[in-house]
Amino acid sequence: MNNIKKSASIKYYFLIISLAIGAIILLLRFYILPQLLSAITDILPGDQVKTIENRLSFIAIGYFIFVFLSNIFIWKIENGLRNEENKAQNFLNVNPNDCHAREKLRQILKKRKNYFRVIEPVIILVIGLMVGLFVTTLIIPIYQTIENIK
């Protein structure tokens, strides 16, 4: 009876992306970073190596805090939309010819799409900032040391 398709759940999409990026950050922090720091200890002074390690740890911790709070926010939005959708769907099940309930269901699906369109670029920006901080934390001290050597 109902020709309106349900869109993919935002909360599962964001959760999968968060876990994938989190796994990459943990891999970088606990596997690649120690190897890289041991390789550059000959080039950089010990205090700069420790500073790099601390900054990267703060970036990783900040990412996981952001992901945790974002997931709570997104799950709250998604559950609210799901409840509204279920109510409208129940009205349609009782009275399939109710135009108001059909329009309400369309608005809810449209609202879900709009949230998805807004949240995805924000996620990409935050991940880009994390990668940028990660890279600048590693590269700037190396370039400063090379500049001092010249």
C-alpha atoms as a PDB file:
ATOM      1  CA  MET A   1       0.000   0.000   0.000  1.00  0.00           C
ATOM      2  CA  ASN A   2       2.712   2.410   0.924  1.00  0.00           C
ATOM      3  CA  ASN A   3       5.001   3.364  -1.976  1.00  0.00           C
ATOM      4  CA  ILE A   4       7.316   5.503   0.144  1.00  0.00           C
ATOM      5  CA  LYS A   5      10.751   3.905   0.565  1.00  0.00           C
ATOM      6  CA  LYS A   6      12.571   4.064   3.843  1.00  0.00           C
ATOM      7  CA  SER A   7      15.993   5.670   3.566  1.00  0.00           C
ATOM      8  CA  ALA A   8      19.130   4.196   5.058  1.00  0.00           C
ATOM      9  CA  SER A   9      19.627   4.851   8.725  1.00  0.00           C
ATOM     10  CA  ILE A  10      21.966   7.742   9.448  1.00  0.00           C
ATOM     11  CA  LYS A  11      23.062   6.337  12.774  1.00  0.00           C
ATOM     12  CA  TYR A  12      24.385   3.087  11.309  1.00  0.00           C
ATOM     13  CA  TYR A  13      26.124   4.926   8.493  1.00  0.00           C
ATOM     14  CA  PHE A  14      27.882   7.246  10.922  1.00  0.00           C
ATOM     15  CA  LEU A  15      28.714   4.414  13.304  1.00  0.00           C
ATOM     16  CA  ILE A  16      30.399   2.396  10.542  1.00  0.00           C
ATOM     17  CA  ILE A  17      32.404   5.403   9.362  1.00  0.00           C
ATOM     18  CA  SER A  18      33.384   6.225  12.953  1.00  0.00           C
ATOM     19  CA  LEU A  19      34.588   2.702  13.637  1.00  0.00           C
ATOM     20  CA  ALA A  20      36.562   2.544  10.390  1.00  0.00           C
ATOM     21  CA  ILE A  21      38.314   5.881  10.981  1.00  0.00           C
ATOM     22  CA  GLY A  22      38.829   4.993  14.654  1.00  0.00           C
ATOM     23  CA  ALA A  23      40.526   1.724  13.656  1.00  0.00           C
ATOM     24  CA  ILE A  24      42.800   3.624  11.271  1.00  0.00           C
ATOM     25  CA  ILE A  25      43.704   6.150  13.985  1.00  0.00           C
ATOM     26  CA  LEU A  26      44.453   3.377  16.469  1.00  0.00           C
ATOM     27  CA  LEU A  27      46.579   1.601  13.869  1.00  0.00           C
ATOM     28  CA  LEU A  28      48.483   4.804  13.197  1.00  0.00           C
ATOM     29  CA  ARG A  29      48.867   5.644  16.879  1.00  0.00           C
ATOM     30  CA  PHE A  30      49.958   2.263  18.203  1.00  0.00           C
ATOM     31  CA  TYR A  31      51.670   0.601  15.253  1.00  0.00           C
ATOM     32  CA  ILE A  32      52.957   3.108  12.703  1.00  0.00           C
ATOM     33  CA  LEU A  33      53.723   6.054  15.000  1.00  0.00           C
ATOM     34  CA  PRO A  34      56.149   4.188  17.299  1.00  0.00           C
ATOM     35  CA  GLN A  35      58.076   2.947  14.280  1.00  0.00           C
ATOM     36  CA  LEU A  36      58.141   6.415  12.765  1.00  0.00           C
ATOM     37  CA  LEU A  37      59.225   8.045  16.028  1.00  0.00           C
ATOM     38  CA  SER A  38      62.027   5.532  16.488  1.00  0.00           C
ATOM     39  CA  ALA A  39      63.194   6.330  12.957  1.00  0.00           C
ATOM     40  CA  ILE A  40      63.205  10.109  13.498  1.00  0.00           C
ATOM     41  CA  THR A  41      64.775  10.117  16.974  1.00  0.00           C
ATOM     42  CA  ASP A  42      68.141  10.441  15.255  1.00  0.00           C
ATOM     43  CA  ILE A  43      66.987  13.569  13.423  1.00  0.00           C
ATOM     44  CA  LEU A  44      64.869  15.278  16.080  1.00  0.00           C
ATOM     45  CA  PRO A  45      65.739  16.129  19.670  1.00  0.00           C
ATOM     46  CA  GLY A  46      64.073  13.959  22.324  1.00  0.00           C
ATOM     47  CA  ASP A  47      61.753  16.701  23.556  1.00  0.00           C
ATOM     48  CA  GLN A  48      60.319  17.249  20.072  1.00  0.00           C
ATOM     49  CA  VAL A  49      59.707  13.518  19.650  1.00  0.00           C
ATOM     50  CA  LYS A  50      57.854  13.451  22.961  1.00  0.00           C
ATOM     51  CA  THR A  51      55.855  16.558  21.944  1.00  0.00           C
ATOM     52  CA  ILE A  52      54.857  14.906  18.661  1.00  0.00           C
ATOM     53  CA  GLU A  53      53.788  11.766  20.495  1.00  0.00           C
ATOM     54  CA  ASN A  54      51.728  13.762  23.019  1.00  0.00           C
ATOM     55  CA  ARG A  55      50.035  15.860  20.335  1.00  0.00           C
ATOM     56  CA  LEU A  56      49.084  12.797  18.321  1.00  0.00           C
ATOM     57  CA  SER A  57      47.684  11.172  21.439  1.00  0.00           C
ATOM     58  CA  PHE A  58      45.559  14.262  22.086  1.00  0.00           C
ATOM     59  CA  ILE A  59      44.331  14.203  18.487  1.00  0.00           C
ATOM     60  CA  ALA A  60      43.315  10.547  18.819  1.00  0.00           C
ATOM     61  CA  ILE A  61      41.569  11.175  22.144  1.00  0.00           C
ATOM     62  CA  GLY A  62      39.823  14.246  20.716  1.00  0.00           C
ATOM     63  CA  TYR A  63      38.600  12.250  17.747  1.00  0.00           C
ATOM     64  CA  PHE A  64      37.102   9.541  19.936  1.00  0.00           C
ATOM     65  CA  ILE A  65      35.395  12.118  22.180  1.00  0.00           C
ATOM     66  CA  PHE A  66      33.968  13.828  19.089  1.00  0.00           C
ATOM     67  CA  VAL A  67      32.757  10.496  17.702  1.00  0.00           C
ATOM     68  CA  PHE A  68      31.135   9.513  20.992  1.00  0.00           C
ATOM     69  CA  LEU A  69      29.252  12.798  21.364  1.00  0.00           C
ATOM     70  CA  SER A  70      28.313  12.878  17.677  1.00  0.00           C
ATOM     71  CA  ASN A  71      26.961   9.346  17.812  1.00  0.00           C
ATOM     72  CA  ILE A  72      24.794  10.248  20.814  1.00  0.00           C
ATOM     73  CA  PHE A  73      23.464  13.308  18.958  1.00  0.00           C
ATOM     74  CA  ILE A  74      22.802  11.410  15.721  1.00  0.00           C
ATOM     75  CA  TRP A  75      21.146   8.481  17.506  1.00  0.00           C
ATOM     76  CA  LYS A  76      18.863  10.930  19.331  1.00  0.00           C
ATOM     77  CA  ILE A  77      17.853  12.606  16.059  1.00  0.00           C
ATOM     78  CA  GLU A  78      17.381   9.289  14.279  1.00  0.00           C
ATOM     79  CA  ASN A  79      15.268   7.821  17.088  1.00  0.00           C
ATOM     80  CA  GLY A  80      13.046  10.916  17.124  1.00  0.00           C
ATOM     81  CA  LEU A  81      12.526  10.672  13.379  1.00  0.00           C
ATOM     82  CA  ARG A  82      11.884   6.948  13.644  1.00  0.00           C
ATOM     83  CA  ASN A  83       9.216   7.514  16.327  1.00  0.00           C
ATOM     84  CA  GLU A  84       7.509  10.173  14.202  1.00  0.00           C
ATOM     85  CA  GLU A  85       7.661   7.866  11.196  1.00  0.00           C
ATOM     86  CA  ASN A  86       6.134   4.972  13.149  1.00  0.00           C
ATOM     87  CA  LYS A  87       3.269   7.185  14.343  1.00  0.00           C
ATOM     88  CA  ALA A  88       2.541   8.363  10.804  1.00  0.00           C
ATOM     89  CA  GLN A  89       2.793   4.787   9.525  1.00  0.00           C
ATOM     90  CA  ASN A  90       0.325   3.612  12.193  1.00  0.00           C
ATOM     91  CA  PHE A  91      -2.134   6.317  11.125  1.00  0.00           C
ATOM     92  CA  LEU A  92      -1.746   5.152   7.536  1.00  0.00           C
ATOM     93  CA  ASN A  93      -2.348   1.543   8.554  1.00  0.00           C
ATOM     94  CA  VAL A  94      -5.591   2.542  10.290  1.00  0.00           C
ATOM     95  CA  ASN A  95      -6.738   4.856   7.515  1.00  0.00           C
ATOM     96  CA  PRO A  96      -4.822   4.312   4.232  1.00  0.00           C
ATOM     97  CA  ASN A  97      -6.607   7.254   2.574  1.00  0.00           C
ATOM     98  CA  ASP A  98      -5.470   9.816   5.155  1.00  0.00           C
ATOM     99  CA  CYS A  99      -3.642  12.463   3.118  1.00  0.00           C
ATOM    100  CA  HIS A 100      -2.381  14.252   6.220  1.00  0.00           C
ATOM    101  CA  ALA A 101      -0.562  11.151   7.518  1.00  0.00           C
ATOM    102  CA  ARG A 102       0.865  10.435   4.059  1.00  0.00           C
ATOM    103  CA  GLU A 103       2.158  14.003   3.801  1.00  0.00           C
ATOM    104  CA  LYS A 104       3.584  13.807   7.339  1.00  0.00           C
ATOM    105  CA  LEU A 105       5.442  10.611   6.390  1.00  0.00           C
ATOM    106  CA  ARG A 106       6.865  12.292   3.288  1.00  0.00           C
ATOM    107  CA  GLN A 107       8.026  15.248   5.397  1.00  0.00           C
ATOM    108  CA  ILE A 108       9.738  12.923   7.873  1.00  0.00           C
ATOM    109  CA  LEU A 109      11.584  11.121   5.081  1.00  0.00           C
ATOM    110  CA  LYS A 110      12.544  14.475   3.571  1.00  0.00           C
ATOM    111  CA  LYS A 111      13.804  15.655   6.980  1.00  0.00           C
ATOM    112  CA  ARG A 112      15.901  12.477   7.312  1.00  0.00           C
ATOM    113  CA  LYS A 113      17.441  13.080   3.871  1.00  0.00           C
ATOM    114  CA  ASN A 114      18.246  16.679   4.796  1.00  0.00           C
ATOM    115  CA  TYR A 115      19.950  15.601   8.018  1.00  0.00           C
ATOM    116  CA  PHE A 116      21.968  13.106   6.041  1.00  0.00           C
ATOM    117  CA  ARG A 117      22.998  15.812   3.557  1.00  0.00           C
ATOM    118  CA  VAL A 118      24.151  18.100   6.371  1.00  0.00           C
ATOM    119  CA  ILE A 119      25.871  15.520   8.561  1.00  0.00           C
ATOM    120  CA  GLU A 120      27.963  13.891   5.849  1.00  0.00           C
ATOM    121  CA  PRO A 121      29.962  17.041   4.891  1.00  0.00           C
ATOM    122  CA  VAL A 122      30.485  17.837   8.579  1.00  0.00           C
ATOM    123  CA  ILE A 123      31.932  14.356   9.104  1.00  0.00           C
ATOM    124  CA  ILE A 124      34.226  14.802   6.104  1.00  0.00           C
ATOM    125  CA  LEU A 125      35.402  18.203   7.403  1.00  0.00           C
ATOM    126  CA  VAL A 126      36.160  16.845  10.868  1.00  0.00           C
ATOM    127  CA  ILE A 127      38.019  13.841   9.474  1.00  0.00           C
ATOM    128  CA  GLY A 128      39.958  16.192   7.176  1.00  0.00           C
ATOM    129  CA  LEU A 129      40.865  18.390  10.152  1.00  0.00           C
ATOM    130  CA  MET A 130      42.031  15.349  12.102  1.00  0.00           C
ATOM    131  CA  VAL A 131      44.203  14.185   9.209  1.00  0.00           C
ATOM    132  CA  GLY A 132      45.540  17.713   8.732  1.00  0.00           C
ATOM    133  CA  LEU A 133      46.429  18.025  12.422  1.00  0.00           C
ATOM    134  CA  PHE A 134      48.002  14.596  12.339  1.00  0.00           C
ATOM    135  CA  VAL A 135      50.160  15.430   9.325  1.00  0.00           C
ATOM    136  CA  THR A 136      51.181  18.895  10.489  1.00  0.00           C
ATOM    137  CA  THR A 137      52.085  17.524  13.904  1.00  0.00           C
ATOM    138  CA  LEU A 138      54.517  15.149  12.239  1.00  0.00           C
ATOM    139  CA  ILE A 139      55.859  17.214   9.356  1.00  0.00           C
ATOM    140  CA  ILE A 140      56.390  20.675  10.881  1.00  0.00           C
ATOM    141  CA  PRO A 141      58.967  19.540  13.507  1.00  0.00           C
ATOM    142  CA  ILE A 142      60.821  17.517  10.870  1.00  0.00           C
ATOM    143  CA  TYR A 143      61.027  20.517   8.516  1.00  0.00           C
ATOM    144  CA  GLN A 144      62.079  22.806  11.393  1.00  0.00           C
ATOM    145  CA  THR A 145      64.884  20.442  12.315  1.00  0.00           C
ATOM    146  CA  ILE A 146      66.053  20.140   8.704  1.00  0.00           C
ATOM    147  CA  GLU A 147      65.998  23.939   8.436  1.00  0.00           C
ATOM    148  CA  ASN A 148      68.125  24.205  11.601  1.00  0.00           C
ATOM    149  CA  ILE A 149      70.638  21.718  10.218  1.00  0.00           C
ATOM    150  CA  LYS A 150      71.191  23.872   7.098  1.00  0.00           C
END
